Structures are given as structure tokens and as C-alpha cells.
Amino acid sequence: MRTLVRSVGRASIGGEPLPSCFKAFESNKIIIRRSEVSMFAAAPGVGKSTLALALALKMKVPTLYISADTNAHTMAMRLASMISGKSQSDVEQKLNTDVGWTKAVLQKGNHIVWSFESSPTLEDIDEEVQAFEELWGCSPHLIILDNLMDVATDGGEEFASMRAIMKELKFLARDTNAAIVVLHHTSEAVPGNPCQPRSAIQGKVSQLPALICTLGTVGTSMGVASVKNRYGRADANGTLMTWLAFNPEYMYIDDIPENV
């Protein structure tokens, strides 16, 4: 048993911000916090995985990345592209012809531990966390789940199963003091301008995360809309947007230069 007074100032209370990746996020209070679940949602192909990979790389904290949606070769290509600044097509050639270059580049992402189980159960995720703790001697500071709909369920009603998964992830965040970032799909039937509203999130799972952002792209920019934010401003309609520079071929995502 612990009183709140004794907990304040100790890491075990949770809620501490992870390092900020983007000035635009910091300005608009889009903050990934330990012991909390955050969600980034969008239709397929918008750039959820690119944003999640940038968070994992730029935060430079012990990270467990559960890549159920994408295989190891593709993630290696994306990560090498993001680190090196080369296009994904150029990096793919390097992966096949220059092993030394590839290893040297990927070494810069060694704080990320990967799981590529294509349909992990909650038990699989728990085992990955335990294996991480044995490897690092601590729990991951950041856990990324890509994608919520890839987590295996007990065969019950889909939306009810997703809500049950989210409840377990919230417990895992509290238990490990990790920040958990969940990627999730939105319904393409709900329009966005360019970011969709909170109502577009599939499965009625929006009650549990402390932070929910929907994503949309316009040209070479990505809009990140806070549709729920326990610690800052939000608009459920998706109109409160933060903009980032975005080039998926180069896996580039960053603050928009001030002179642009």
C-alpha cells in the first residue's frame, strides 16, 4: 500500500513524460507518458507506423516494438531509411549488397527490441515484456503495439475483444510503468479534413487511452489531431491539428522548418 504523498517524486507513480521528439508536439501538449496508454489512429496507409517508428528512434529510451503488422525485412528497411536519410528503394539495395553498411546504420537503433509475431496473444506480449526485462534488467520505458487489430483474441465479439485487450494494456502500463503506444485503424467511411474525428476509431475503444490522436496527410505534411487528451487541449471532431513535415519514401517525419 502506498500513499500519494509518498509516491510523488518516485518513478512508480507513473505519468512522467518521455523525451519529446517534436517541438510541435511539445507546444500542443501531445505528450507520451509512462504508465499511460496512448493511441494513434488512421486509415491504412496514412503513416501510423512511420510516426511510431520515429517516436521509438528519437526518444532513445529502452523500447519494445511489437510489429505484428509488418515483417522484419520491411522494418529494417524503414529504420535504415529513417536513420540514413536514404530512400527506401536505395536502402533495399543496400540491404542486399552491403551488409556492413546495414549493420552500422541499424546499430543506431539498438535501444529498440523487436517482436514480429504476426498475431500475438496478450500472453505473448507479456512474455515479450518479461524477456525484455531479462535482457535489459528493467522494464521497457516505451512499448509500441502495431497494430491493435492484429492481437489474437478468444474468438468473441470483435469490438468487445478489442476493449478487453485495451483494458489489459492499461494494466500492463501501470504494472511496468511503461508508456504504451497503440496503433489502430479508423473507419474509412468517416470523412476527415484531413484528420478524422474520434468517432471514426473502430471498436469503441476510445474510453481507455489518456491520449488519442488521429492522423491525416496533405501533400508533404502530416496532420496530427488531438481528439482526446487527458493532459491538454483536444477536440473530438479532429480540428485541433499539429503539423509535421512528412516524406514516406525517405521515412522522414519531423518539425516543419520555421522559415517554411
C-alpha atoms as a PDB file:
ATOM      1  CA  MET A   1       0.000   0.000   0.000  1.00  0.00           C
ATOM      2  CA  ARG A   2       1.300   3.463  -0.885  1.00  0.00           C
ATOM      3  CA  THR A   3       0.043   6.955  -0.124  1.00  0.00           C
ATOM      4  CA  LEU A   4       0.070   9.541  -2.910  1.00  0.00           C
ATOM      5  CA  VAL A   5       2.290  11.798  -0.813  1.00  0.00           C
ATOM      6  CA  ARG A   6       4.945   9.070  -0.625  1.00  0.00           C
ATOM      7  CA  SER A   7       4.536   8.304  -4.332  1.00  0.00           C
ATOM      8  CA  VAL A   8       5.137  11.850  -5.557  1.00  0.00           C
ATOM      9  CA  GLY A   9       8.706  12.166  -6.785  1.00  0.00           C
ATOM     10  CA  ARG A  10       9.104   8.419  -7.243  1.00  0.00           C
ATOM     11  CA  ALA A  11       9.103   6.802 -10.687  1.00  0.00           C
ATOM     12  CA  SER A  12       6.489   4.298  -9.566  1.00  0.00           C
ATOM     13  CA  ILE A  13       3.723   6.899  -9.584  1.00  0.00           C
ATOM     14  CA  GLY A  14       3.796   6.971 -13.379  1.00  0.00           C
ATOM     15  CA  GLY A  15       2.731   9.711 -15.726  1.00  0.00           C
ATOM     16  CA  GLU A  16       6.241  11.094 -16.314  1.00  0.00           C
ATOM     17  CA  PRO A  17       6.697  12.370 -19.873  1.00  0.00           C
ATOM     18  CA  LEU A  18       9.047  10.506 -22.161  1.00  0.00           C
ATOM     19  CA  PRO A  19      11.556  12.679 -24.062  1.00  0.00           C
ATOM     20  CA  SER A  20       9.892  14.958 -26.580  1.00  0.00           C
ATOM     21  CA  CYS A  21      10.507  14.139 -30.256  1.00  0.00           C
ATOM     22  CA  PHE A  22       8.949  17.144 -31.906  1.00  0.00           C
ATOM     23  CA  LYS A  23       8.713  20.786 -30.823  1.00  0.00           C
ATOM     24  CA  ALA A  24       5.232  20.886 -32.352  1.00  0.00           C
ATOM     25  CA  PHE A  25       4.105  18.033 -30.095  1.00  0.00           C
ATOM     26  CA  GLU A  26       5.563  19.743 -27.046  1.00  0.00           C
ATOM     27  CA  SER A  27       3.877  23.053 -27.889  1.00  0.00           C
ATOM     28  CA  ASN A  28       0.493  21.392 -28.268  1.00  0.00           C
ATOM     29  CA  LYS A  29       0.813  19.081 -25.243  1.00  0.00           C
ATOM     30  CA  ILE A  30       0.933  15.877 -27.293  1.00  0.00           C
ATOM     31  CA  ILE A  31       2.997  14.065 -24.696  1.00  0.00           C
ATOM     32  CA  ILE A  32       3.672  10.334 -24.378  1.00  0.00           C
ATOM     33  CA  ARG A  33       3.633   9.475 -20.683  1.00  0.00           C
ATOM     34  CA  ARG A  34       4.811   6.461 -18.744  1.00  0.00           C
ATOM     35  CA  SER A  35       2.180   4.303 -17.063  1.00  0.00           C
ATOM     36  CA  GLU A  36      -0.359   5.508 -19.638  1.00  0.00           C
ATOM     37  CA  VAL A  37      -1.779   4.163 -22.896  1.00  0.00           C
ATOM     38  CA  SER A  38      -1.717   6.481 -25.913  1.00  0.00           C
ATOM     39  CA  MET A  39      -3.267   5.768 -29.307  1.00  0.00           C
ATOM     40  CA  PHE A  40      -2.556   6.976 -32.840  1.00  0.00           C
ATOM     41  CA  ALA A  41      -5.308   6.038 -35.281  1.00  0.00           C
ATOM     42  CA  ALA A  42      -5.815   6.469 -39.012  1.00  0.00           C
ATOM     43  CA  ALA A  43      -6.939   4.669 -42.122  1.00  0.00           C
ATOM     44  CA  PRO A  44      -4.425   2.216 -43.660  1.00  0.00           C
ATOM     45  CA  GLY A  45      -1.503   3.810 -45.485  1.00  0.00           C
ATOM     46  CA  VAL A  46      -1.643   7.228 -43.821  1.00  0.00           C
ATOM     47  CA  GLY A  47       1.630   6.856 -41.888  1.00  0.00           C
ATOM     48  CA  LYS A  48       0.884   5.453 -38.423  1.00  0.00           C
ATOM     49  CA  SER A  49       3.881   3.111 -38.491  1.00  0.00           C
ATOM     50  CA  THR A  50       6.195   5.865 -39.738  1.00  0.00           C
ATOM     51  CA  LEU A  51       5.212   8.092 -36.830  1.00  0.00           C
ATOM     52  CA  ALA A  52       5.546   5.240 -34.323  1.00  0.00           C
ATOM     53  CA  LEU A  53       8.995   4.312 -35.629  1.00  0.00           C
ATOM     54  CA  ALA A  54      10.089   7.953 -35.384  1.00  0.00           C
ATOM     55  CA  LEU A  55       8.926   8.048 -31.761  1.00  0.00           C
ATOM     56  CA  ALA A  56      10.843   4.871 -30.973  1.00  0.00           C
ATOM     57  CA  LEU A  57      14.028   6.083 -32.673  1.00  0.00           C
ATOM     58  CA  LYS A  58      14.048   9.687 -31.499  1.00  0.00           C
ATOM     59  CA  MET A  59      13.107   9.087 -27.857  1.00  0.00           C
ATOM     60  CA  LYS A  60      16.183   6.863 -27.385  1.00  0.00           C
ATOM     61  CA  VAL A  61      14.707   5.028 -24.394  1.00  0.00           C
ATOM     62  CA  PRO A  62      14.551   1.235 -23.897  1.00  0.00           C
ATOM     63  CA  THR A  63      11.765   0.266 -26.282  1.00  0.00           C
ATOM     64  CA  LEU A  64       9.814  -2.891 -27.091  1.00  0.00           C
ATOM     65  CA  TYR A  65       8.303  -2.639 -30.576  1.00  0.00           C
ATOM     66  CA  ILE A  66       5.663  -5.301 -31.288  1.00  0.00           C
ATOM     67  CA  SER A  67       5.446  -5.231 -35.076  1.00  0.00           C
ATOM     68  CA  ALA A  68       2.573  -7.592 -35.744  1.00  0.00           C
ATOM     69  CA  ASP A  69       1.572  -5.694 -38.883  1.00  0.00           C
ATOM     70  CA  THR A  70       4.960  -5.605 -40.665  1.00  0.00           C
ATOM     71  CA  ASN A  71       7.769  -8.130 -41.132  1.00  0.00           C
ATOM     72  CA  ALA A  72      11.405  -7.797 -40.066  1.00  0.00           C
ATOM     73  CA  HIS A  73      12.818  -7.092 -43.554  1.00  0.00           C
ATOM     74  CA  THR A  74      10.432  -4.187 -44.139  1.00  0.00           C
ATOM     75  CA  MET A  75      11.026  -2.697 -40.706  1.00  0.00           C
ATOM     76  CA  ALA A  76      14.811  -2.958 -41.166  1.00  0.00           C
ATOM     77  CA  MET A  77      14.472  -1.136 -44.490  1.00  0.00           C
ATOM     78  CA  ARG A  78      12.274   1.573 -42.943  1.00  0.00           C
ATOM     79  CA  LEU A  79      14.523   2.070 -39.934  1.00  0.00           C
ATOM     80  CA  ALA A  80      17.684   2.239 -42.056  1.00  0.00           C
ATOM     81  CA  SER A  81      15.993   4.768 -44.333  1.00  0.00           C
ATOM     82  CA  MET A  82      14.942   6.912 -41.374  1.00  0.00           C
ATOM     83  CA  ILE A  83      18.424   6.847 -39.848  1.00  0.00           C
ATOM     84  CA  SER A  84      20.456   7.313 -43.037  1.00  0.00           C
ATOM     85  CA  GLY A  85      18.227   9.744 -44.925  1.00  0.00           C
ATOM     86  CA  LYS A  86      18.303   7.490 -47.993  1.00  0.00           C
ATOM     87  CA  SER A  87      15.162   6.469 -49.860  1.00  0.00           C
ATOM     88  CA  GLN A  88      13.629   3.099 -49.074  1.00  0.00           C
ATOM     89  CA  SER A  89      14.415   1.844 -52.583  1.00  0.00           C
ATOM     90  CA  ASP A  90      18.099   2.774 -52.157  1.00  0.00           C
ATOM     91  CA  VAL A  91      18.184   1.169 -48.721  1.00  0.00           C
ATOM     92  CA  GLU A  92      16.656  -2.053 -50.032  1.00  0.00           C
ATOM     93  CA  GLN A  93      19.551  -2.364 -52.470  1.00  0.00           C
ATOM     94  CA  LYS A  94      21.988  -1.780 -49.586  1.00  0.00           C
ATOM     95  CA  LEU A  95      20.280  -4.469 -47.509  1.00  0.00           C
ATOM     96  CA  ASN A  96      21.006  -6.975 -50.260  1.00  0.00           C
ATOM     97  CA  THR A  97      24.531  -5.860 -51.219  1.00  0.00           C
ATOM     98  CA  ASP A  98      26.246  -4.131 -48.281  1.00  0.00           C
ATOM     99  CA  VAL A  99      25.766  -5.975 -45.011  1.00  0.00           C
ATOM    100  CA  GLY A 100      28.444  -3.904 -43.253  1.00  0.00           C
ATOM    101  CA  TRP A 101      26.711  -0.615 -44.061  1.00  0.00           C
ATOM    102  CA  THR A 102      23.351  -2.023 -42.992  1.00  0.00           C
ATOM    103  CA  LYS A 103      24.622  -3.257 -39.636  1.00  0.00           C
ATOM    104  CA  ALA A 104      26.399   0.039 -38.912  1.00  0.00           C
ATOM    105  CA  VAL A 105      23.251   2.049 -39.629  1.00  0.00           C
ATOM    106  CA  LEU A 106      20.873  -0.219 -37.723  1.00  0.00           C
ATOM    107  CA  GLN A 107      23.245  -0.148 -34.736  1.00  0.00           C
ATOM    108  CA  LYS A 108      21.899   3.347 -34.029  1.00  0.00           C
ATOM    109  CA  GLY A 109      18.525   1.798 -33.245  1.00  0.00           C
ATOM    110  CA  ASN A 110      19.822  -0.791 -30.796  1.00  0.00           C
ATOM    111  CA  HIS A 111      17.714   0.599 -27.966  1.00  0.00           C
ATOM    112  CA  ILE A 112      14.701  -0.928 -29.769  1.00  0.00           C
ATOM    113  CA  VAL A 113      13.921  -4.618 -29.201  1.00  0.00           C
ATOM    114  CA  TRP A 114      11.611  -6.163 -31.783  1.00  0.00           C
ATOM    115  CA  SER A 115       8.869  -8.774 -31.803  1.00  0.00           C
ATOM    116  CA  PHE A 116       7.470  -9.917 -35.145  1.00  0.00           C
ATOM    117  CA  GLU A 117       4.789 -12.354 -34.015  1.00  0.00           C
ATOM    118  CA  SER A 118       2.058 -11.780 -36.615  1.00  0.00           C
ATOM    119  CA  SER A 119      -0.884 -12.464 -34.321  1.00  0.00           C
ATOM    120  CA  PRO A 120       0.330 -12.154 -30.729  1.00  0.00           C
ATOM    121  CA  THR A 121      -1.882 -13.012 -27.796  1.00  0.00           C
ATOM    122  CA  LEU A 122      -1.879 -10.992 -24.596  1.00  0.00           C
ATOM    123  CA  GLU A 123       0.187 -13.819 -23.091  1.00  0.00           C
ATOM    124  CA  ASP A 124       2.729 -13.441 -25.921  1.00  0.00           C
ATOM    125  CA  ILE A 125       3.011  -9.714 -25.208  1.00  0.00           C
ATOM    126  CA  ASP A 126       3.518 -10.387 -21.506  1.00  0.00           C
ATOM    127  CA  GLU A 127       6.262 -12.919 -22.324  1.00  0.00           C
ATOM    128  CA  GLU A 128       7.969 -10.379 -24.600  1.00  0.00           C
ATOM    129  CA  VAL A 129       7.989  -7.871 -21.733  1.00  0.00           C
ATOM    130  CA  GLN A 130       9.495 -10.480 -19.397  1.00  0.00           C
ATOM    131  CA  ALA A 131      12.173 -11.343 -21.966  1.00  0.00           C
ATOM    132  CA  PHE A 132      12.934  -7.637 -22.357  1.00  0.00           C
ATOM    133  CA  GLU A 133      13.352  -7.292 -18.587  1.00  0.00           C
ATOM    134  CA  GLU A 134      15.795 -10.222 -18.560  1.00  0.00           C
ATOM    135  CA  LEU A 135      17.795  -8.660 -21.415  1.00  0.00           C
ATOM    136  CA  TRP A 136      17.873  -5.065 -20.147  1.00  0.00           C
ATOM    137  CA  GLY A 137      17.488  -5.520 -16.407  1.00  0.00           C
ATOM    138  CA  CYS A 138      14.488  -3.157 -16.453  1.00  0.00           C
ATOM    139  CA  SER A 139      11.034  -2.885 -17.942  1.00  0.00           C
ATOM    140  CA  PRO A 140      10.717  -1.113 -21.288  1.00  0.00           C
ATOM    141  CA  HIS A 141      10.106   2.604 -20.972  1.00  0.00           C
ATOM    142  CA  LEU A 142       8.143   2.515 -24.232  1.00  0.00           C
ATOM    143  CA  ILE A 143       6.048  -0.286 -25.726  1.00  0.00           C
ATOM    144  CA  ILE A 144       4.646   0.154 -29.228  1.00  0.00           C
ATOM    145  CA  LEU A 145       1.877  -2.157 -30.439  1.00  0.00           C
ATOM    146  CA  ASP A 146       1.448  -2.103 -34.209  1.00  0.00           C
ATOM    147  CA  ASN A 147      -1.488  -2.878 -34.654  1.00  0.00           C
ATOM    148  CA  LEU A 148      -4.329  -3.372 -32.155  1.00  0.00           C
ATOM    149  CA  MET A 149      -6.404  -5.385 -34.608  1.00  0.00           C
ATOM    150  CA  ASP A 150      -3.562  -7.901 -35.034  1.00  0.00           C
ATOM    151  CA  VAL A 151      -3.731  -9.050 -31.397  1.00  0.00           C
ATOM    152  CA  ALA A 152      -5.267 -12.519 -31.214  1.00  0.00           C
ATOM    153  CA  THR A 153      -8.498 -12.796 -29.266  1.00  0.00           C
ATOM    154  CA  ASP A 154     -10.525 -15.619 -27.770  1.00  0.00           C
ATOM    155  CA  GLY A 155     -12.914 -15.609 -30.705  1.00  0.00           C
ATOM    156  CA  GLY A 156     -15.600 -13.488 -29.049  1.00  0.00           C
ATOM    157  CA  GLU A 157     -17.285 -10.417 -30.491  1.00  0.00           C
ATOM    158  CA  GLU A 158     -14.558  -8.349 -32.173  1.00  0.00           C
ATOM    159  CA  PHE A 159     -15.221  -4.964 -30.603  1.00  0.00           C
ATOM    160  CA  ALA A 160     -15.719  -6.438 -27.122  1.00  0.00           C
ATOM    161  CA  SER A 161     -12.429  -8.302 -27.538  1.00  0.00           C
ATOM    162  CA  MET A 162     -10.614  -5.097 -28.505  1.00  0.00           C
ATOM    163  CA  ARG A 163     -11.950  -3.330 -25.424  1.00  0.00           C
ATOM    164  CA  ALA A 164     -10.753  -6.248 -23.269  1.00  0.00           C
ATOM    165  CA  ILE A 165      -7.295  -6.012 -24.880  1.00  0.00           C
ATOM    166  CA  MET A 166      -7.140  -2.280 -24.168  1.00  0.00           C
ATOM    167  CA  LYS A 167      -8.018  -2.891 -20.508  1.00  0.00           C
ATOM    168  CA  GLU A 168      -5.174  -5.409 -20.238  1.00  0.00           C
ATOM    169  CA  LEU A 169      -2.767  -2.987 -21.910  1.00  0.00           C
ATOM    170  CA  LYS A 170      -3.751  -0.303 -19.410  1.00  0.00           C
ATOM    171  CA  PHE A 171      -2.975  -2.740 -16.608  1.00  0.00           C
ATOM    172  CA  LEU A 172       0.370  -3.591 -18.250  1.00  0.00           C
ATOM    173  CA  ALA A 173       1.271   0.108 -18.471  1.00  0.00           C
ATOM    174  CA  ARG A 174       0.550   0.584 -14.771  1.00  0.00           C
ATOM    175  CA  ASP A 175       2.330  -2.634 -13.802  1.00  0.00           C
ATOM    176  CA  THR A 176       5.546  -1.894 -15.716  1.00  0.00           C
ATOM    177  CA  ASN A 177       5.446   1.925 -15.649  1.00  0.00           C
ATOM    178  CA  ALA A 178       5.867   1.797 -19.429  1.00  0.00           C
ATOM    179  CA  ALA A 179       4.333   4.199 -21.896  1.00  0.00           C
ATOM    180  CA  ILE A 180       2.279   2.085 -24.288  1.00  0.00           C
ATOM    181  CA  VAL A 181       1.564   3.470 -27.753  1.00  0.00           C
ATOM    182  CA  VAL A 182      -1.143   1.586 -29.632  1.00  0.00           C
ATOM    183  CA  LEU A 183      -1.674   1.977 -33.370  1.00  0.00           C
ATOM    184  CA  HIS A 184      -5.215   1.407 -34.550  1.00  0.00           C
ATOM    185  CA  HIS A 185      -7.401   1.702 -37.633  1.00  0.00           C
ATOM    186  CA  THR A 186     -10.181   4.155 -38.243  1.00  0.00           C
ATOM    187  CA  SER A 187     -13.249   3.603 -40.384  1.00  0.00           C
ATOM    188  CA  GLU A 188     -12.654   4.853 -43.912  1.00  0.00           C
ATOM    189  CA  ALA A 189     -16.392   5.565 -44.138  1.00  0.00           C
ATOM    190  CA  VAL A 190     -15.993   8.521 -41.751  1.00  0.00           C
ATOM    191  CA  PRO A 191     -14.544  11.540 -43.585  1.00  0.00           C
ATOM    192  CA  GLY A 192     -11.653  13.622 -42.270  1.00  0.00           C
ATOM    193  CA  ASN A 193     -10.327  17.055 -43.160  1.00  0.00           C
ATOM    194  CA  PRO A 194      -7.701  15.620 -43.267  1.00  0.00           C
ATOM    195  CA  CYS A 195      -7.784  14.117 -39.746  1.00  0.00           C
ATOM    196  CA  GLN A 196     -10.805  12.078 -38.806  1.00  0.00           C
ATOM    197  CA  PRO A 197     -12.916  12.656 -35.705  1.00  0.00           C
ATOM    198  CA  ARG A 198     -12.768  10.495 -32.598  1.00  0.00           C
ATOM    199  CA  SER A 199     -15.968   8.758 -33.711  1.00  0.00           C
ATOM    200  CA  ALA A 200     -14.067   7.157 -36.618  1.00  0.00           C
ATOM    201  CA  ILE A 201     -11.997   4.968 -34.284  1.00  0.00           C
ATOM    202  CA  GLN A 202     -13.051   1.357 -34.659  1.00  0.00           C
ATOM    203  CA  GLY A 203     -14.213  -0.787 -31.759  1.00  0.00           C
ATOM    204  CA  LYS A 204     -15.374   1.855 -29.282  1.00  0.00           C
ATOM    205  CA  VAL A 205     -12.009   1.673 -27.506  1.00  0.00           C
ATOM    206  CA  SER A 206     -11.525   5.421 -27.057  1.00  0.00           C
ATOM    207  CA  GLN A 207     -12.554   5.481 -23.385  1.00  0.00           C
ATOM    208  CA  LEU A 208      -9.299   3.994 -22.072  1.00  0.00           C
ATOM    209  CA  PRO A 209      -6.297   5.839 -23.613  1.00  0.00           C
ATOM    210  CA  ALA A 210      -5.112   9.039 -21.959  1.00  0.00           C
ATOM    211  CA  LEU A 211      -4.160  10.444 -25.382  1.00  0.00           C
ATOM    212  CA  ILE A 212      -5.742   9.740 -28.763  1.00  0.00           C
ATOM    213  CA  CYS A 213      -4.619  11.352 -31.998  1.00  0.00           C
ATOM    214  CA  THR A 214      -5.943  10.767 -35.485  1.00  0.00           C
ATOM    215  CA  LEU A 215      -3.672  11.295 -38.474  1.00  0.00           C
ATOM    216  CA  GLY A 216      -4.137  12.705 -41.963  1.00  0.00           C
ATOM    217  CA  THR A 217      -1.858  13.870 -44.752  1.00  0.00           C
ATOM    218  CA  VAL A 218      -1.877  16.801 -47.163  1.00  0.00           C
ATOM    219  CA  GLY A 219       0.963  16.811 -49.687  1.00  0.00           C
ATOM    220  CA  THR A 220       4.247  16.641 -47.768  1.00  0.00           C
ATOM    221  CA  SER A 221       2.669  17.321 -44.354  1.00  0.00           C
ATOM    222  CA  MET A 222       1.084  15.088 -41.748  1.00  0.00           C
ATOM    223  CA  GLY A 223      -1.659  16.426 -39.531  1.00  0.00           C
ATOM    224  CA  VAL A 224      -1.901  15.020 -36.004  1.00  0.00           C
ATOM    225  CA  ALA A 225      -5.227  15.833 -34.360  1.00  0.00           C
ATOM    226  CA  SER A 226      -5.718  15.525 -30.602  1.00  0.00           C
ATOM    227  CA  VAL A 227      -9.204  14.060 -30.297  1.00  0.00           C
ATOM    228  CA  LYS A 228      -8.701  13.126 -26.644  1.00  0.00           C
ATOM    229  CA  ASN A 229      -6.045  14.432 -24.286  1.00  0.00           C
ATOM    230  CA  ARG A 230      -6.229  13.976 -20.550  1.00  0.00           C
ATOM    231  CA  TYR A 231      -3.374  16.442 -20.042  1.00  0.00           C
ATOM    232  CA  GLY A 232      -4.062  19.092 -22.671  1.00  0.00           C
ATOM    233  CA  ARG A 233      -6.400  20.509 -25.275  1.00  0.00           C
ATOM    234  CA  ALA A 234      -8.396  18.256 -27.560  1.00  0.00           C
ATOM    235  CA  ASP A 235     -11.275  18.420 -29.997  1.00  0.00           C
ATOM    236  CA  ALA A 236     -13.244  15.241 -30.673  1.00  0.00           C
ATOM    237  CA  ASN A 237     -14.033  16.499 -34.189  1.00  0.00           C
ATOM    238  CA  GLY A 238     -10.380  16.330 -35.236  1.00  0.00           C
ATOM    239  CA  THR A 239      -9.965  20.022 -35.993  1.00  0.00           C
ATOM    240  CA  LEU A 240      -7.205  20.750 -33.448  1.00  0.00           C
ATOM    241  CA  MET A 241      -4.234  19.729 -35.564  1.00  0.00           C
ATOM    242  CA  THR A 242      -0.457  19.767 -35.187  1.00  0.00           C
ATOM    243  CA  TRP A 243       1.524  19.659 -38.441  1.00  0.00           C
ATOM    244  CA  LEU A 244       4.729  17.764 -39.201  1.00  0.00           C
ATOM    245  CA  ALA A 245       6.852  17.518 -42.344  1.00  0.00           C
ATOM    246  CA  PHE A 246       6.360  14.069 -43.898  1.00  0.00           C
ATOM    247  CA  ASN A 247       8.010  12.133 -46.733  1.00  0.00           C
ATOM    248  CA  PRO A 248       7.197   8.406 -46.571  1.00  0.00           C
ATOM    249  CA  GLU A 249       9.680   7.334 -49.276  1.00  0.00           C
ATOM    250  CA  TYR A 250      12.527   8.605 -47.080  1.00  0.00           C
ATOM    251  CA  MET A 251      10.752   7.718 -43.808  1.00  0.00           C
ATOM    252  CA  TYR A 252      11.153  11.393 -42.961  1.00  0.00           C
ATOM    253  CA  ILE A 253       8.947  12.937 -40.312  1.00  0.00           C
ATOM    254  CA  ASP A 254       9.958  15.983 -38.288  1.00  0.00           C
ATOM    255  CA  ASP A 255       9.032  19.507 -37.300  1.00  0.00           C
ATOM    256  CA  ILE A 256       8.277  21.821 -40.203  1.00  0.00           C
ATOM    257  CA  PRO A 257      11.195  24.295 -40.523  1.00  0.00           C
ATOM    258  CA  GLU A 258      10.262  27.724 -39.164  1.00  0.00           C
ATOM    259  CA  ASN A 259      11.206  29.522 -42.387  1.00  0.00           C
ATOM    260  CA  VAL A 260       8.799  27.427 -44.488  1.00  0.00           C
END
